Amino acid sequence: MSEITNDDYSFAERDDQEHWVIHLKTGKWKDTYYCYDRVQLVPPEGGWPEEGDGEGTLSFNYGLIESPFDLNELSEDVDFNDHIGYILRHIIEDSFDSGNYKIGSEDGKAD
């Protein structure tokens, strides 16, 4: 995997979407638009350790919106799914580094 940077994607608002849309600006899937839905951090087997860092797994759902590729084939493409997982990780890390993030929904519910 090559390192993901802010130049590889952008956020876009679309009137027909409830969530922010990701636009892939570089790479194999350039000009693909999608959005993340539910994102979870799944604890490692055996749960989170009491001390130290535990590494969980990032789990997410997404919706494909538009692409120069067949959307059905793209949704089954393991490499594409891995790629957008790396982008999600970059978004999360970048958000925490900048302090620009929100956990939970507007109404205060965790879901």
N, C-alpha and C. Protein backbone atom coordinates (compact mmCIF):
# COMPACT_ATOMS: atom_id res chain seq x y z
N MET A 1 0.84 -1.18 0.00
CA MET A 1 0.00 0.00 0.00
C MET A 1 0.88 1.23 0.00
N SER A 2 0.58 2.15 -0.90
CA SER A 2 1.28 3.42 -0.84
C SER A 2 0.62 4.28 0.22
N GLU A 3 1.36 5.23 0.74
CA GLU A 3 0.84 6.06 1.82
C GLU A 3 -0.27 6.97 1.30
N ILE A 4 -1.35 7.04 2.04
CA ILE A 4 -2.47 7.90 1.71
C ILE A 4 -2.16 9.31 2.20
N THR A 5 -2.46 10.31 1.37
CA THR A 5 -2.30 11.71 1.76
C THR A 5 -3.61 12.45 1.49
N ASN A 6 -3.68 13.68 1.95
CA ASN A 6 -4.86 14.51 1.71
C ASN A 6 -5.06 14.79 0.22
N ASP A 7 -4.03 14.63 -0.58
CA ASP A 7 -4.14 14.86 -2.03
C ASP A 7 -4.87 13.72 -2.74
N ASP A 8 -5.03 12.58 -2.08
CA ASP A 8 -5.63 11.40 -2.71
C ASP A 8 -7.15 11.42 -2.72
N TYR A 9 -7.75 12.26 -1.89
CA TYR A 9 -9.21 12.29 -1.79
C TYR A 9 -9.65 13.68 -1.35
N SER A 10 -10.93 13.94 -1.54
CA SER A 10 -11.51 15.17 -1.02
C SER A 10 -12.92 14.86 -0.52
N PHE A 11 -13.43 15.77 0.30
CA PHE A 11 -14.80 15.66 0.79
C PHE A 11 -15.69 16.49 -0.12
N ALA A 12 -16.88 15.99 -0.39
CA ALA A 12 -17.82 16.71 -1.22
C ALA A 12 -19.21 16.60 -0.61
N GLU A 13 -19.97 17.66 -0.68
CA GLU A 13 -21.36 17.63 -0.26
C GLU A 13 -22.22 17.42 -1.49
N ARG A 14 -23.18 16.54 -1.35
CA ARG A 14 -24.12 16.32 -2.45
C ARG A 14 -25.52 16.40 -1.88
N ASP A 15 -26.40 17.06 -2.59
CA ASP A 15 -27.78 17.24 -2.12
C ASP A 15 -28.51 15.93 -1.93
N ASP A 16 -28.13 14.90 -2.71
CA ASP A 16 -28.83 13.62 -2.64
C ASP A 16 -28.24 12.67 -1.59
N GLN A 17 -27.29 13.16 -0.78
CA GLN A 17 -26.64 12.29 0.21
C GLN A 17 -26.76 12.88 1.61
N GLU A 18 -27.01 12.01 2.58
CA GLU A 18 -27.11 12.42 3.98
C GLU A 18 -25.72 12.62 4.60
N HIS A 19 -24.75 11.85 4.13
CA HIS A 19 -23.40 11.88 4.68
C HIS A 19 -22.45 12.61 3.74
N TRP A 20 -21.30 13.01 4.29
CA TRP A 20 -20.25 13.57 3.43
C TRP A 20 -19.81 12.51 2.44
N VAL A 21 -19.52 12.93 1.25
CA VAL A 21 -19.10 12.04 0.18
C VAL A 21 -17.59 12.17 0.00
N ILE A 22 -16.94 11.04 -0.23
CA ILE A 22 -15.51 11.01 -0.51
C ILE A 22 -15.32 10.89 -2.02
N HIS A 23 -14.49 11.74 -2.56
CA HIS A 23 -14.13 11.71 -3.99
C HIS A 23 -12.69 11.27 -4.09
N LEU A 24 -12.44 10.14 -4.74
CA LEU A 24 -11.08 9.67 -4.96
C LEU A 24 -10.47 10.47 -6.12
N LYS A 25 -9.38 11.17 -5.84
CA LYS A 25 -8.79 12.06 -6.83
C LYS A 25 -7.58 11.47 -7.53
N THR A 26 -7.04 10.38 -7.01
CA THR A 26 -5.85 9.77 -7.59
C THR A 26 -6.01 8.26 -7.62
N GLY A 27 -5.09 7.60 -8.30
CA GLY A 27 -5.01 6.15 -8.24
C GLY A 27 -5.94 5.41 -9.18
N LYS A 28 -5.97 4.12 -8.98
CA LYS A 28 -6.70 3.19 -9.84
C LYS A 28 -8.20 3.51 -9.92
N TRP A 29 -8.79 3.98 -8.82
CA TRP A 29 -10.23 4.21 -8.75
C TRP A 29 -10.57 5.70 -8.80
N LYS A 30 -9.72 6.47 -9.47
CA LYS A 30 -9.92 7.91 -9.60
C LYS A 30 -11.34 8.21 -10.09
N ASP A 31 -11.92 9.27 -9.53
CA ASP A 31 -13.26 9.74 -9.86
C ASP A 31 -14.37 8.81 -9.39
N THR A 32 -14.08 8.02 -8.37
CA THR A 32 -15.11 7.23 -7.69
C THR A 32 -15.58 8.05 -6.49
N TYR A 33 -16.90 8.05 -6.29
CA TYR A 33 -17.51 8.76 -5.17
C TYR A 33 -18.22 7.73 -4.29
N TYR A 34 -18.03 7.86 -2.99
CA TYR A 34 -18.67 6.94 -2.04
C TYR A 34 -18.81 7.64 -0.70
N CYS A 35 -19.56 7.05 0.20
CA CYS A 35 -19.66 7.59 1.55
C CYS A 35 -19.58 6.45 2.56
N TYR A 36 -19.01 6.77 3.70
CA TYR A 36 -18.96 5.82 4.80
C TYR A 36 -20.27 5.92 5.55
N ASP A 37 -20.71 4.78 6.04
CA ASP A 37 -21.92 4.76 6.84
C ASP A 37 -21.51 4.48 8.28
N ARG A 38 -21.76 3.33 8.75
CA ARG A 38 -21.43 2.97 10.14
C ARG A 38 -19.95 2.59 10.23
N VAL A 39 -19.26 3.22 11.18
CA VAL A 39 -17.84 2.94 11.41
C VAL A 39 -17.68 2.49 12.86
N GLN A 40 -16.96 1.38 13.05
CA GLN A 40 -16.76 0.84 14.40
C GLN A 40 -15.30 0.44 14.58
N LEU A 41 -14.84 0.53 15.81
CA LEU A 41 -13.55 -0.02 16.18
C LEU A 41 -13.84 -1.28 16.98
N VAL A 42 -13.51 -2.43 16.42
CA VAL A 42 -13.78 -3.72 17.03
C VAL A 42 -12.58 -4.09 17.90
N PRO A 43 -12.82 -4.41 19.19
CA PRO A 43 -11.70 -4.74 20.07
C PRO A 43 -10.99 -6.02 19.64
N PRO A 44 -9.72 -6.14 20.03
CA PRO A 44 -8.99 -7.37 19.71
C PRO A 44 -9.63 -8.56 20.44
N GLU A 45 -9.36 -9.76 19.92
CA GLU A 45 -9.88 -10.96 20.57
C GLU A 45 -9.43 -10.96 22.03
N GLY A 46 -10.35 -11.19 22.93
CA GLY A 46 -10.02 -11.16 24.35
C GLY A 46 -10.30 -9.79 24.97
N GLY A 47 -10.69 -8.82 24.17
CA GLY A 47 -11.04 -7.50 24.69
C GLY A 47 -9.85 -6.56 24.77
N TRP A 48 -10.15 -5.34 25.19
CA TRP A 48 -9.10 -4.32 25.32
C TRP A 48 -8.25 -4.60 26.54
N PRO A 49 -6.94 -4.45 26.44
CA PRO A 49 -6.09 -4.64 27.61
C PRO A 49 -6.34 -3.52 28.63
N GLU A 50 -6.11 -3.83 29.92
CA GLU A 50 -6.31 -2.82 30.96
C GLU A 50 -5.28 -1.72 30.85
N GLU A 51 -4.06 -2.05 30.46
CA GLU A 51 -3.01 -1.05 30.31
C GLU A 51 -2.39 -1.16 28.94
N GLY A 52 -1.88 -0.07 28.47
CA GLY A 52 -1.18 -0.10 27.19
C GLY A 52 -2.14 0.02 26.02
N ASP A 53 -1.55 -0.01 24.88
CA ASP A 53 -2.33 0.13 23.65
C ASP A 53 -2.76 -1.23 23.14
N GLY A 54 -4.01 -1.35 22.84
CA GLY A 54 -4.53 -2.53 22.18
C GLY A 54 -4.87 -2.15 20.76
N GLU A 55 -4.68 -3.05 19.85
CA GLU A 55 -5.00 -2.76 18.47
C GLU A 55 -6.27 -3.48 18.07
N GLY A 56 -7.27 -2.69 17.74
CA GLY A 56 -8.52 -3.25 17.28
C GLY A 56 -8.57 -3.26 15.76
N THR A 57 -9.71 -3.61 15.24
CA THR A 57 -9.93 -3.65 13.81
C THR A 57 -10.96 -2.60 13.44
N LEU A 58 -10.69 -1.86 12.39
CA LEU A 58 -11.63 -0.87 11.90
C LEU A 58 -12.65 -1.57 11.01
N SER A 59 -13.91 -1.44 11.35
CA SER A 59 -14.99 -2.05 10.58
C SER A 59 -15.90 -0.93 10.08
N PHE A 60 -16.33 -1.02 8.83
CA PHE A 60 -17.17 0.04 8.29
C PHE A 60 -18.07 -0.47 7.18
N ASN A 61 -19.15 0.23 6.99
CA ASN A 61 -20.03 0.05 5.85
C ASN A 61 -19.89 1.28 4.98
N TYR A 62 -20.14 1.14 3.71
CA TYR A 62 -20.07 2.28 2.81
C TYR A 62 -21.06 2.11 1.68
N GLY A 63 -21.33 3.21 1.03
CA GLY A 63 -22.22 3.18 -0.13
C GLY A 63 -21.50 3.78 -1.33
N LEU A 64 -21.54 3.08 -2.43
CA LEU A 64 -20.98 3.60 -3.67
C LEU A 64 -22.00 4.52 -4.32
N ILE A 65 -21.53 5.64 -4.83
CA ILE A 65 -22.43 6.63 -5.40
C ILE A 65 -22.24 6.75 -6.91
N GLU A 66 -21.00 6.91 -7.32
CA GLU A 66 -20.72 7.12 -8.74
C GLU A 66 -19.28 6.71 -9.01
N SER A 67 -19.05 6.12 -10.17
CA SER A 67 -17.70 5.68 -10.53
C SER A 67 -17.63 5.40 -12.02
N PRO A 68 -16.43 5.54 -12.60
CA PRO A 68 -16.26 5.11 -13.99
C PRO A 68 -16.25 3.58 -14.11
N PHE A 69 -16.28 2.89 -12.97
CA PHE A 69 -16.26 1.42 -12.92
C PHE A 69 -17.65 0.90 -12.59
N ASP A 70 -17.90 -0.36 -12.90
CA ASP A 70 -19.15 -1.01 -12.55
C ASP A 70 -19.27 -1.07 -11.03
N LEU A 71 -20.33 -0.50 -10.49
CA LEU A 71 -20.48 -0.41 -9.03
C LEU A 71 -20.61 -1.78 -8.37
N ASN A 72 -21.26 -2.72 -9.02
CA ASN A 72 -21.39 -4.07 -8.44
C ASN A 72 -20.03 -4.75 -8.35
N GLU A 73 -19.24 -4.66 -9.41
CA GLU A 73 -17.90 -5.26 -9.39
C GLU A 73 -17.01 -4.56 -8.37
N LEU A 74 -17.12 -3.24 -8.30
CA LEU A 74 -16.30 -2.48 -7.37
C LEU A 74 -16.60 -2.85 -5.93
N SER A 75 -17.86 -3.08 -5.61
CA SER A 75 -18.23 -3.43 -4.23
C SER A 75 -17.66 -4.78 -3.81
N GLU A 76 -17.34 -5.64 -4.78
CA GLU A 76 -16.77 -6.96 -4.49
C GLU A 76 -15.24 -6.97 -4.57
N ASP A 77 -14.63 -5.86 -4.97
CA ASP A 77 -13.19 -5.78 -5.18
C ASP A 77 -12.46 -5.62 -3.84
N VAL A 78 -11.75 -6.66 -3.43
CA VAL A 78 -11.05 -6.65 -2.14
C VAL A 78 -10.02 -5.53 -2.07
N ASP A 79 -9.30 -5.29 -3.17
CA ASP A 79 -8.30 -4.22 -3.18
C ASP A 79 -8.95 -2.85 -2.99
N PHE A 80 -10.11 -2.63 -3.62
CA PHE A 80 -10.82 -1.37 -3.43
C PHE A 80 -11.26 -1.22 -1.98
N ASN A 81 -11.83 -2.27 -1.42
CA ASN A 81 -12.27 -2.23 -0.02
C ASN A 81 -11.10 -1.94 0.92
N ASP A 82 -9.96 -2.55 0.68
CA ASP A 82 -8.77 -2.27 1.49
C ASP A 82 -8.35 -0.81 1.33
N HIS A 83 -8.37 -0.31 0.10
CA HIS A 83 -7.96 1.06 -0.19
C HIS A 83 -8.82 2.07 0.56
N ILE A 84 -10.14 1.90 0.50
CA ILE A 84 -10.98 2.87 1.20
C ILE A 84 -10.89 2.70 2.72
N GLY A 85 -10.49 1.52 3.18
CA GLY A 85 -10.19 1.33 4.60
C GLY A 85 -8.97 2.14 5.01
N TYR A 86 -7.94 2.16 4.16
CA TYR A 86 -6.75 2.98 4.44
C TYR A 86 -7.09 4.47 4.41
N ILE A 87 -7.99 4.85 3.51
CA ILE A 87 -8.41 6.25 3.47
C ILE A 87 -9.16 6.60 4.75
N LEU A 88 -10.05 5.73 5.19
CA LEU A 88 -10.78 5.98 6.43
C LEU A 88 -9.82 6.11 7.60
N ARG A 89 -8.84 5.25 7.66
CA ARG A 89 -7.84 5.35 8.73
C ARG A 89 -7.13 6.71 8.67
N HIS A 90 -6.77 7.14 7.46
CA HIS A 90 -6.11 8.44 7.30
C HIS A 90 -7.02 9.57 7.77
N ILE A 91 -8.30 9.51 7.40
CA ILE A 91 -9.26 10.54 7.82
C ILE A 91 -9.34 10.60 9.34
N ILE A 92 -9.44 9.46 9.98
CA ILE A 92 -9.55 9.41 11.44
C ILE A 92 -8.28 9.93 12.09
N GLU A 93 -7.12 9.45 11.65
CA GLU A 93 -5.86 9.91 12.24
C GLU A 93 -5.67 11.40 12.03
N ASP A 94 -5.97 11.88 10.84
CA ASP A 94 -5.84 13.31 10.53
C ASP A 94 -6.79 14.14 11.39
N SER A 95 -8.00 13.65 11.60
CA SER A 95 -8.98 14.36 12.44
C SER A 95 -8.51 14.45 13.89
N PHE A 96 -7.98 13.36 14.42
CA PHE A 96 -7.50 13.39 15.79
C PHE A 96 -6.27 14.27 15.92
N ASP A 97 -5.39 14.23 14.94
CA ASP A 97 -4.19 15.07 14.98
C ASP A 97 -4.54 16.56 14.96
N SER A 98 -5.58 16.92 14.20
CA SER A 98 -5.97 18.32 14.07
C SER A 98 -6.97 18.76 15.15
N GLY A 99 -7.56 17.80 15.85
CA GLY A 99 -8.58 18.11 16.84
C GLY A 99 -9.94 18.41 16.22
N ASN A 100 -10.09 18.12 14.96
CA ASN A 100 -11.32 18.40 14.22
C ASN A 100 -12.14 17.13 14.06
N TYR A 101 -12.83 16.72 15.11
CA TYR A 101 -13.63 15.51 15.07
C TYR A 101 -14.80 15.61 16.03
N LYS A 102 -15.77 14.74 15.84
CA LYS A 102 -16.93 14.65 16.72
C LYS A 102 -17.26 13.17 16.88
N ILE A 103 -17.55 12.77 18.10
CA ILE A 103 -17.96 11.40 18.37
C ILE A 103 -19.43 11.42 18.77
N GLY A 104 -20.23 10.59 18.12
CA GLY A 104 -21.66 10.55 18.38
C GLY A 104 -22.43 11.39 17.38
N SER A 105 -23.71 11.47 17.59
CA SER A 105 -24.56 12.20 16.66
C SER A 105 -24.99 13.52 17.27
N GLU A 106 -25.64 14.35 16.48
CA GLU A 106 -26.09 15.67 16.92
C GLU A 106 -27.01 15.60 18.14
N ASP A 107 -27.82 14.54 18.23
CA ASP A 107 -28.78 14.44 19.33
C ASP A 107 -28.18 13.80 20.58
N GLY A 108 -26.87 13.53 20.56
CA GLY A 108 -26.20 12.98 21.74
C GLY A 108 -26.21 11.49 21.84
N LYS A 109 -26.86 10.80 20.90
CA LYS A 109 -26.88 9.35 20.90
C LYS A 109 -25.61 8.82 20.25
N ALA A 110 -25.09 7.73 20.78
CA ALA A 110 -23.83 7.18 20.29
C ALA A 110 -23.96 6.57 18.90
N ASP A 111 -25.14 6.24 18.45
CA ASP A 111 -25.27 5.63 17.15
C ASP A 111 -25.52 6.69 16.11
